[in-house]
């Protein structure tokens, strides 16, 4: 895996990223960091020769280049209609999804706000309620749960520990590094890592992050708690469901 930066999965909690990297390296997946791809040359025998900055070329059978996405707005006639766009071609909208032309609205990836299907659906609902339902409504972009379906998957919602320390006066962090019971009688040594990020001033849980089997399934319910502003005391007062991996959320002290 070749990465142009010096880390994987920027934006996710550091502890989770480090754990996933360790697991992948233990599975003999090699990483080459700070190595932007310069060119890919196809040899006569069909081999793809991948040249990266500062390193020897890599011979490969196939290459997957993950370059991200940008709004595909060319050819829509936006400029002719007077709709303003941003530097990446994204349609600029206000909090109610209205463009610079009052009669034109835009939602979803074309606005380049948060490129997630559930977010686009929420924006569409807000647009319909505002324009056709006589109930003006905006979309909240805080506490959006997200996941990486790696093996094992990682998932998170709210502030990472790094973000919390930048934004809050005092932060408390609670972690559980455990081996899931389902792995106790198998040769699988894989462990789970859960983390709660808490605003020390209010006791509110401002972030939940985890890497473990079924982490996205567990995280969805935890996201409700973070969005609702529940406190660490609320988590502590909740009885654990045993035996489960999710019970670790209410056992951290």
C-alpha atoms as a PDB file:
ATOM      1  CA  UNK A   1       0.000   0.000   0.000  1.00  0.00           C
ATOM      2  CA  UNK A   2       1.507   3.271  -1.139  1.00  0.00           C
ATOM      3  CA  UNK A   3       0.463   6.455   0.647  1.00  0.00           C
ATOM      4  CA  UNK A   4       1.368   9.984  -0.412  1.00  0.00           C
ATOM      5  CA  UNK A   5       1.157  11.208   3.218  1.00  0.00           C
ATOM      6  CA  UNK A   6       2.889   9.907   6.343  1.00  0.00           C
ATOM      7  CA  UNK A   7      -0.181   8.226   7.859  1.00  0.00           C
ATOM      8  CA  UNK A   8      -3.302   6.247   7.061  1.00  0.00           C
ATOM      9  CA  UNK A   9      -6.903   7.395   7.490  1.00  0.00           C
ATOM     10  CA  UNK A  10      -6.329  11.010   8.405  1.00  0.00           C
ATOM     11  CA  UNK A  11      -9.239  12.381  10.427  1.00  0.00           C
ATOM     12  CA  UNK A  12      -9.838   9.219  12.414  1.00  0.00           C
ATOM     13  CA  UNK A  13      -8.726   8.812  16.007  1.00  0.00           C
ATOM     14  CA  UNK A  14      -4.977   8.263  16.266  1.00  0.00           C
ATOM     15  CA  UNK A  15      -5.229   5.247  18.582  1.00  0.00           C
ATOM     16  CA  UNK A  16      -7.470   3.431  16.117  1.00  0.00           C
ATOM     17  CA  UNK A  17      -5.280   4.263  13.147  1.00  0.00           C
ATOM     18  CA  UNK A  18      -2.191   2.985  14.927  1.00  0.00           C
ATOM     19  CA  UNK A  19      -3.949  -0.245  15.945  1.00  0.00           C
ATOM     20  CA  UNK A  20      -5.206  -0.909  12.408  1.00  0.00           C
ATOM     21  CA  UNK A  21      -1.748  -0.272  10.973  1.00  0.00           C
ATOM     22  CA  UNK A  22      -0.220  -2.756  13.422  1.00  0.00           C
ATOM     23  CA  UNK A  23      -2.802  -5.392  12.532  1.00  0.00           C
ATOM     24  CA  UNK A  24      -2.334  -4.940   8.795  1.00  0.00           C
ATOM     25  CA  UNK A  25       1.457  -5.054   9.075  1.00  0.00           C
ATOM     26  CA  UNK A  26       1.165  -8.246  11.156  1.00  0.00           C
ATOM     27  CA  UNK A  27      -0.708  -9.703   8.183  1.00  0.00           C
ATOM     28  CA  UNK A  28       2.335  -8.952   6.023  1.00  0.00           C
ATOM     29  CA  UNK A  29       0.811  -5.955   4.257  1.00  0.00           C
ATOM     30  CA  UNK A  30       3.648  -3.590   3.445  1.00  0.00           C
ATOM     31  CA  UNK A  31       3.221   0.185   3.613  1.00  0.00           C
ATOM     32  CA  UNK A  32       5.197   2.864   1.833  1.00  0.00           C
ATOM     33  CA  UNK A  33       4.499   6.297   3.326  1.00  0.00           C
ATOM     34  CA  UNK A  34       5.253   9.772   1.955  1.00  0.00           C
ATOM     35  CA  UNK A  35       5.566   8.252  -1.498  1.00  0.00           C
ATOM     36  CA  UNK A  36       3.377   9.958  -4.080  1.00  0.00           C
ATOM     37  CA  UNK A  37       3.059   7.950  -7.282  1.00  0.00           C
ATOM     38  CA  UNK A  38       4.970   9.580 -10.131  1.00  0.00           C
ATOM     39  CA  UNK A  39       4.049   7.251 -12.972  1.00  0.00           C
ATOM     40  CA  UNK A  40       2.882   3.746 -13.828  1.00  0.00           C
ATOM     41  CA  UNK A  41       4.509   1.997 -16.780  1.00  0.00           C
ATOM     42  CA  UNK A  42       3.097  -1.124 -18.407  1.00  0.00           C
ATOM     43  CA  UNK A  43       5.869  -3.512 -19.397  1.00  0.00           C
ATOM     44  CA  UNK A  44       5.816  -5.772 -22.453  1.00  0.00           C
ATOM     45  CA  UNK A  45       4.841  -8.785 -20.343  1.00  0.00           C
ATOM     46  CA  UNK A  46       1.865  -6.913 -18.854  1.00  0.00           C
ATOM     47  CA  UNK A  47       3.495  -6.114 -15.533  1.00  0.00           C
ATOM     48  CA  UNK A  48       2.675  -2.689 -14.114  1.00  0.00           C
ATOM     49  CA  UNK A  49       5.760  -0.869 -12.866  1.00  0.00           C
ATOM     50  CA  UNK A  50       4.775   1.700 -10.229  1.00  0.00           C
ATOM     51  CA  UNK A  51       7.279   4.498  -9.699  1.00  0.00           C
ATOM     52  CA  UNK A  52       7.053   6.436  -6.435  1.00  0.00           C
ATOM     53  CA  UNK A  53       9.099   9.378  -5.190  1.00  0.00           C
ATOM     54  CA  UNK A  54      12.313   8.393  -3.444  1.00  0.00           C
ATOM     55  CA  UNK A  55      11.844   4.629  -3.719  1.00  0.00           C
ATOM     56  CA  UNK A  56      12.478   1.748  -6.047  1.00  0.00           C
ATOM     57  CA  UNK A  57       9.719   0.891  -8.485  1.00  0.00           C
ATOM     58  CA  UNK A  58       7.114  -1.702  -7.520  1.00  0.00           C
ATOM     59  CA  UNK A  59       6.124  -4.485  -9.917  1.00  0.00           C
ATOM     60  CA  UNK A  60       2.406  -5.279  -9.737  1.00  0.00           C
ATOM     61  CA  UNK A  61      -0.285  -7.290 -11.514  1.00  0.00           C
ATOM     62  CA  UNK A  62      -2.953  -4.688 -10.794  1.00  0.00           C
ATOM     63  CA  UNK A  63      -3.075  -1.191  -9.307  1.00  0.00           C
ATOM     64  CA  UNK A  64      -5.986   0.449  -7.517  1.00  0.00           C
ATOM     65  CA  UNK A  65      -5.621   4.224  -7.271  1.00  0.00           C
ATOM     66  CA  UNK A  66      -7.853   5.812  -4.604  1.00  0.00           C
ATOM     67  CA  UNK A  67      -7.898   9.500  -5.516  1.00  0.00           C
ATOM     68  CA  UNK A  68     -11.169  10.594  -3.943  1.00  0.00           C
ATOM     69  CA  UNK A  69     -14.038  12.340  -5.680  1.00  0.00           C
ATOM     70  CA  UNK A  70     -14.968  15.793  -6.814  1.00  0.00           C
ATOM     71  CA  UNK A  71     -18.411  17.095  -7.874  1.00  0.00           C
ATOM     72  CA  UNK A  72     -19.210  16.376 -11.515  1.00  0.00           C
ATOM     73  CA  UNK A  73     -20.897  19.633 -12.445  1.00  0.00           C
ATOM     74  CA  UNK A  74     -19.304  20.372 -15.793  1.00  0.00           C
ATOM     75  CA  UNK A  75     -21.806  20.669 -18.621  1.00  0.00           C
ATOM     76  CA  UNK A  76     -24.815  21.327 -16.397  1.00  0.00           C
ATOM     77  CA  UNK A  77     -25.077  24.953 -17.467  1.00  0.00           C
ATOM     78  CA  UNK A  78     -24.614  26.262 -13.940  1.00  0.00           C
ATOM     79  CA  UNK A  79     -22.576  29.254 -15.027  1.00  0.00           C
ATOM     80  CA  UNK A  80     -25.168  30.218 -17.628  1.00  0.00           C
ATOM     81  CA  UNK A  81     -27.893  29.939 -15.012  1.00  0.00           C
ATOM     82  CA  UNK A  82     -25.927  32.096 -12.576  1.00  0.00           C
ATOM     83  CA  UNK A  83     -25.331  29.325 -10.026  1.00  0.00           C
ATOM     84  CA  UNK A  84     -22.099  29.942  -8.154  1.00  0.00           C
ATOM     85  CA  UNK A  85     -19.635  27.094  -7.696  1.00  0.00           C
ATOM     86  CA  UNK A  86     -16.502  26.598  -5.619  1.00  0.00           C
ATOM     87  CA  UNK A  87     -12.901  25.790  -6.595  1.00  0.00           C
ATOM     88  CA  UNK A  88     -13.647  22.075  -7.060  1.00  0.00           C
ATOM     89  CA  UNK A  89     -16.810  22.711  -9.030  1.00  0.00           C
ATOM     90  CA  UNK A  90     -19.036  22.166  -6.001  1.00  0.00           C
ATOM     91  CA  UNK A  91     -22.392  23.928  -5.967  1.00  0.00           C
ATOM     92  CA  UNK A  92     -22.390  26.586  -3.234  1.00  0.00           C
ATOM     93  CA  UNK A  93     -25.494  26.539  -1.058  1.00  0.00           C
ATOM     94  CA  UNK A  94     -26.710  28.107   2.177  1.00  0.00           C
ATOM     95  CA  UNK A  95     -27.891  26.265   5.282  1.00  0.00           C
ATOM     96  CA  UNK A  96     -31.212  25.534   3.550  1.00  0.00           C
ATOM     97  CA  UNK A  97     -29.580  24.071   0.413  1.00  0.00           C
ATOM     98  CA  UNK A  98     -30.429  27.130  -1.684  1.00  0.00           C
ATOM     99  CA  UNK A  99     -27.942  28.203  -4.369  1.00  0.00           C
ATOM    100  CA  UNK A 100     -27.151  31.722  -5.515  1.00  0.00           C
ATOM    101  CA  UNK A 101     -30.220  31.417  -7.752  1.00  0.00           C
ATOM    102  CA  UNK A 102     -33.277  31.436  -5.425  1.00  0.00           C
ATOM    103  CA  UNK A 103     -35.229  28.908  -7.492  1.00  0.00           C
ATOM    104  CA  UNK A 104     -32.392  26.344  -7.614  1.00  0.00           C
ATOM    105  CA  UNK A 105     -31.405  24.049  -4.756  1.00  0.00           C
ATOM    106  CA  UNK A 106     -28.719  21.381  -4.444  1.00  0.00           C
ATOM    107  CA  UNK A 107     -28.110  18.515  -2.022  1.00  0.00           C
ATOM    108  CA  UNK A 108     -25.728  15.593  -1.723  1.00  0.00           C
ATOM    109  CA  UNK A 109     -22.185  15.060  -2.973  1.00  0.00           C
ATOM    110  CA  UNK A 110     -22.511  17.800  -5.603  1.00  0.00           C
ATOM    111  CA  UNK A 111     -22.285  20.339  -2.765  1.00  0.00           C
ATOM    112  CA  UNK A 112     -19.116  18.695  -1.406  1.00  0.00           C
ATOM    113  CA  UNK A 113     -20.108  19.091   2.229  1.00  0.00           C
ATOM    114  CA  UNK A 114     -20.096  15.537   3.606  1.00  0.00           C
ATOM    115  CA  UNK A 115     -19.913  12.842   0.926  1.00  0.00           C
ATOM    116  CA  UNK A 116     -22.040  10.187   2.602  1.00  0.00           C
ATOM    117  CA  UNK A 117     -25.310   8.680   1.375  1.00  0.00           C
ATOM    118  CA  UNK A 118     -27.196   9.080   4.699  1.00  0.00           C
ATOM    119  CA  UNK A 119     -26.174  12.740   4.812  1.00  0.00           C
ATOM    120  CA  UNK A 120     -27.482  13.335   1.280  1.00  0.00           C
ATOM    121  CA  UNK A 121     -30.766  11.690   2.270  1.00  0.00           C
ATOM    122  CA  UNK A 122     -31.052  13.978   5.303  1.00  0.00           C
ATOM    123  CA  UNK A 123     -30.333  17.006   3.139  1.00  0.00           C
ATOM    124  CA  UNK A 124     -33.037  15.908   0.704  1.00  0.00           C
ATOM    125  CA  UNK A 125     -35.540  15.556   3.541  1.00  0.00           C
ATOM    126  CA  UNK A 126     -34.616  19.001   4.873  1.00  0.00           C
ATOM    127  CA  UNK A 127     -35.030  20.501   1.401  1.00  0.00           C
ATOM    128  CA  UNK A 128     -38.472  18.914   0.945  1.00  0.00           C
ATOM    129  CA  UNK A 129     -39.651  20.044   4.381  1.00  0.00           C
ATOM    130  CA  UNK A 130     -38.374  23.568   3.783  1.00  0.00           C
ATOM    131  CA  UNK A 131     -39.665  24.136   0.253  1.00  0.00           C
ATOM    132  CA  UNK A 132     -42.751  21.918   0.086  1.00  0.00           C
ATOM    133  CA  UNK A 133     -43.645  21.193   3.715  1.00  0.00           C
ATOM    134  CA  UNK A 134     -43.666  24.764   5.025  1.00  0.00           C
ATOM    135  CA  UNK A 135     -41.330  23.585   7.807  1.00  0.00           C
ATOM    136  CA  UNK A 136     -37.908  25.197   7.330  1.00  0.00           C
ATOM    137  CA  UNK A 137     -35.225  22.770   8.491  1.00  0.00           C
ATOM    138  CA  UNK A 138     -31.474  22.448   8.201  1.00  0.00           C
ATOM    139  CA  UNK A 139     -29.162  19.454   8.422  1.00  0.00           C
ATOM    140  CA  UNK A 140     -26.826  19.052  11.395  1.00  0.00           C
ATOM    141  CA  UNK A 141     -23.316  17.962  10.485  1.00  0.00           C
ATOM    142  CA  UNK A 142     -22.057  17.244  13.972  1.00  0.00           C
ATOM    143  CA  UNK A 143     -22.023  13.719  15.377  1.00  0.00           C
ATOM    144  CA  UNK A 144     -22.133  11.977  11.994  1.00  0.00           C
ATOM    145  CA  UNK A 145     -21.146   8.333  12.574  1.00  0.00           C
ATOM    146  CA  UNK A 146     -18.574   6.933  10.178  1.00  0.00           C
ATOM    147  CA  UNK A 147     -16.778   3.663   9.618  1.00  0.00           C
ATOM    148  CA  UNK A 148     -13.984   2.027   7.674  1.00  0.00           C
ATOM    149  CA  UNK A 149     -14.869  -1.529   6.738  1.00  0.00           C
ATOM    150  CA  UNK A 150     -11.364  -2.862   7.167  1.00  0.00           C
ATOM    151  CA  UNK A 151     -10.562  -6.143   8.904  1.00  0.00           C
ATOM    152  CA  UNK A 152     -11.286  -5.522  11.701  1.00  0.00           C
ATOM    153  CA  UNK A 153     -13.464  -2.477  10.997  1.00  0.00           C
ATOM    154  CA  UNK A 154     -13.128   0.786  12.836  1.00  0.00           C
ATOM    155  CA  UNK A 155     -15.883   3.289  13.562  1.00  0.00           C
ATOM    156  CA  UNK A 156     -16.285   6.606  15.302  1.00  0.00           C
ATOM    157  CA  UNK A 157     -18.622   9.470  16.082  1.00  0.00           C
ATOM    158  CA  UNK A 158     -18.039  12.939  17.488  1.00  0.00           C
ATOM    159  CA  UNK A 159     -14.680  14.436  18.402  1.00  0.00           C
ATOM    160  CA  UNK A 160     -11.486  12.437  18.262  1.00  0.00           C
ATOM    161  CA  UNK A 161      -9.157  12.757  21.240  1.00  0.00           C
ATOM    162  CA  UNK A 162      -6.937  15.087  19.225  1.00  0.00           C
ATOM    163  CA  UNK A 163      -9.847  17.319  18.201  1.00  0.00           C
ATOM    164  CA  UNK A 164     -11.230  17.414  21.741  1.00  0.00           C
ATOM    165  CA  UNK A 165      -7.895  18.535  23.200  1.00  0.00           C
ATOM    166  CA  UNK A 166      -7.798  21.366  20.670  1.00  0.00           C
ATOM    167  CA  UNK A 167     -11.366  22.536  21.320  1.00  0.00           C
ATOM    168  CA  UNK A 168     -12.018  21.860  25.016  1.00  0.00           C
ATOM    169  CA  UNK A 169     -10.359  23.139  28.167  1.00  0.00           C
ATOM    170  CA  UNK A 170     -10.015  19.721  29.804  1.00  0.00           C
ATOM    171  CA  UNK A 171     -10.588  16.253  28.392  1.00  0.00           C
ATOM    172  CA  UNK A 172     -10.926  12.862  30.014  1.00  0.00           C
ATOM    173  CA  UNK A 173     -10.264   9.728  27.965  1.00  0.00           C
ATOM    174  CA  UNK A 174     -11.437   6.246  28.878  1.00  0.00           C
ATOM    175  CA  UNK A 175     -10.260   3.169  26.981  1.00  0.00           C
ATOM    176  CA  UNK A 176     -10.848  -0.567  26.954  1.00  0.00           C
ATOM    177  CA  UNK A 177      -8.289  -2.768  25.228  1.00  0.00           C
ATOM    178  CA  UNK A 178      -9.768  -6.264  25.294  1.00  0.00           C
ATOM    179  CA  UNK A 179      -9.842  -9.608  23.558  1.00  0.00           C
ATOM    180  CA  UNK A 180     -13.395 -10.412  22.381  1.00  0.00           C
ATOM    181  CA  UNK A 181     -14.813 -13.530  23.972  1.00  0.00           C
ATOM    182  CA  UNK A 182     -15.487 -14.965  20.517  1.00  0.00           C
ATOM    183  CA  UNK A 183     -11.708 -15.145  20.068  1.00  0.00           C
ATOM    184  CA  UNK A 184     -10.959 -16.789  23.407  1.00  0.00           C
ATOM    185  CA  UNK A 185     -11.152 -20.348  22.087  1.00  0.00           C
ATOM    186  CA  UNK A 186      -9.716 -19.723  18.652  1.00  0.00           C
ATOM    187  CA  UNK A 187      -6.271 -19.072  17.295  1.00  0.00           C
ATOM    188  CA  UNK A 188      -7.268 -15.498  16.476  1.00  0.00           C
ATOM    189  CA  UNK A 189      -5.317 -13.145  18.772  1.00  0.00           C
ATOM    190  CA  UNK A 190      -7.155 -10.042  17.567  1.00  0.00           C
ATOM    191  CA  UNK A 191      -8.098  -7.532  20.230  1.00  0.00           C
ATOM    192  CA  UNK A 192     -10.661  -4.757  20.379  1.00  0.00           C
ATOM    193  CA  UNK A 193     -10.016  -1.149  21.372  1.00  0.00           C
ATOM    194  CA  UNK A 194     -12.813   1.178  22.516  1.00  0.00           C
ATOM    195  CA  UNK A 195     -12.371   4.802  23.512  1.00  0.00           C
ATOM    196  CA  UNK A 196     -14.684   7.353  25.131  1.00  0.00           C
ATOM    197  CA  UNK A 197     -13.735  11.036  24.875  1.00  0.00           C
ATOM    198  CA  UNK A 198     -15.339  13.120  27.617  1.00  0.00           C
ATOM    199  CA  UNK A 199     -15.623  16.866  28.213  1.00  0.00           C
ATOM    200  CA  UNK A 200     -14.352  17.106  31.798  1.00  0.00           C
ATOM    201  CA  UNK A 201     -16.308  20.313  32.455  1.00  0.00           C
ATOM    202  CA  UNK A 202     -19.728  18.844  31.642  1.00  0.00           C
ATOM    203  CA  UNK A 203     -19.088  15.061  31.833  1.00  0.00           C
ATOM    204  CA  UNK A 204     -20.634  14.776  28.341  1.00  0.00           C
ATOM    205  CA  UNK A 205     -19.334  12.039  26.085  1.00  0.00           C
ATOM    206  CA  UNK A 206     -18.243  14.009  23.018  1.00  0.00           C
ATOM    207  CA  UNK A 207     -16.705  11.141  21.091  1.00  0.00           C
ATOM    208  CA  UNK A 208     -16.850   7.351  20.826  1.00  0.00           C
ATOM    209  CA  UNK A 209     -14.266   5.475  18.773  1.00  0.00           C
ATOM    210  CA  UNK A 210     -13.619   1.770  18.351  1.00  0.00           C
ATOM    211  CA  UNK A 211     -11.816  -0.855  16.346  1.00  0.00           C
ATOM    212  CA  UNK A 212     -13.101  -4.378  16.803  1.00  0.00           C
ATOM    213  CA  UNK A 213     -15.254  -7.002  15.091  1.00  0.00           C
ATOM    214  CA  UNK A 214     -18.700  -5.526  14.299  1.00  0.00           C
ATOM    215  CA  UNK A 215     -17.569  -2.052  15.415  1.00  0.00           C
ATOM    216  CA  UNK A 216     -19.926  -0.228  12.973  1.00  0.00           C
ATOM    217  CA  UNK A 217     -22.933  -2.156  14.312  1.00  0.00           C
ATOM    218  CA  UNK A 218     -22.069  -1.225  17.899  1.00  0.00           C
ATOM    219  CA  UNK A 219     -21.233   2.370  17.005  1.00  0.00           C
ATOM    220  CA  UNK A 220     -24.654   3.179  15.517  1.00  0.00           C
ATOM    221  CA  UNK A 221     -26.345   2.895  18.911  1.00  0.00           C
ATOM    222  CA  UNK A 222     -23.505   4.760  20.610  1.00  0.00           C
ATOM    223  CA  UNK A 223     -23.943   7.591  18.113  1.00  0.00           C
ATOM    224  CA  UNK A 224     -27.449   8.178  19.468  1.00  0.00           C
ATOM    225  CA  UNK A 225     -26.003   8.675  22.946  1.00  0.00           C
ATOM    226  CA  UNK A 226     -23.389  11.157  21.736  1.00  0.00           C
ATOM    227  CA  UNK A 227     -25.939  13.103  19.683  1.00  0.00           C
ATOM    228  CA  UNK A 228     -28.281  13.218  22.689  1.00  0.00           C
ATOM    229  CA  UNK A 229     -25.523  14.664  24.872  1.00  0.00           C
ATOM    230  CA  UNK A 230     -25.448  11.832  27.396  1.00  0.00           C
ATOM    231  CA  UNK A 231     -22.811  11.939  30.103  1.00  0.00           C
ATOM    232  CA  UNK A 232     -20.191   9.454  31.212  1.00  0.00           C
ATOM    233  CA  UNK A 233     -22.348   8.962  34.319  1.00  0.00           C
ATOM    234  CA  UNK A 234     -25.229   7.893  32.050  1.00  0.00           C
ATOM    235  CA  UNK A 235     -22.973   5.305  30.433  1.00  0.00           C
ATOM    236  CA  UNK A 236     -21.802   4.099  33.848  1.00  0.00           C
ATOM    237  CA  UNK A 237     -25.384   3.786  35.090  1.00  0.00           C
ATOM    238  CA  UNK A 238     -26.330   1.491  32.197  1.00  0.00           C
ATOM    239  CA  UNK A 239     -26.277  -2.249  32.943  1.00  0.00           C
ATOM    240  CA  UNK A 240     -23.929  -4.233  30.714  1.00  0.00           C
ATOM    241  CA  UNK A 241     -25.230  -6.847  28.272  1.00  0.00           C
ATOM    242  CA  UNK A 242     -23.039  -9.865  28.943  1.00  0.00           C
ATOM    243  CA  UNK A 243     -21.391 -11.520  27.149  1.00  0.00           C
ATOM    244  CA  UNK A 244     -21.032  -9.008  24.320  1.00  0.00           C
ATOM    245  CA  UNK A 245     -18.398  -6.726  22.871  1.00  0.00           C
ATOM    246  CA  UNK A 246     -20.759  -3.758  23.217  1.00  0.00           C
ATOM    247  CA  UNK A 247     -20.758  -4.070  27.013  1.00  0.00           C
ATOM    248  CA  UNK A 248     -17.280  -2.549  27.094  1.00  0.00           C
ATOM    249  CA  UNK A 249     -18.929   0.825  26.388  1.00  0.00           C
ATOM    250  CA  UNK A 250     -20.457   0.890  29.878  1.00  0.00           C
ATOM    251  CA  UNK A 251     -17.620  -0.747  31.806  1.00  0.00           C
ATOM    252  CA  UNK A 252     -14.839   1.797  31.315  1.00  0.00           C
ATOM    253  CA  UNK A 253     -13.758   3.442  34.549  1.00  0.00           C
END
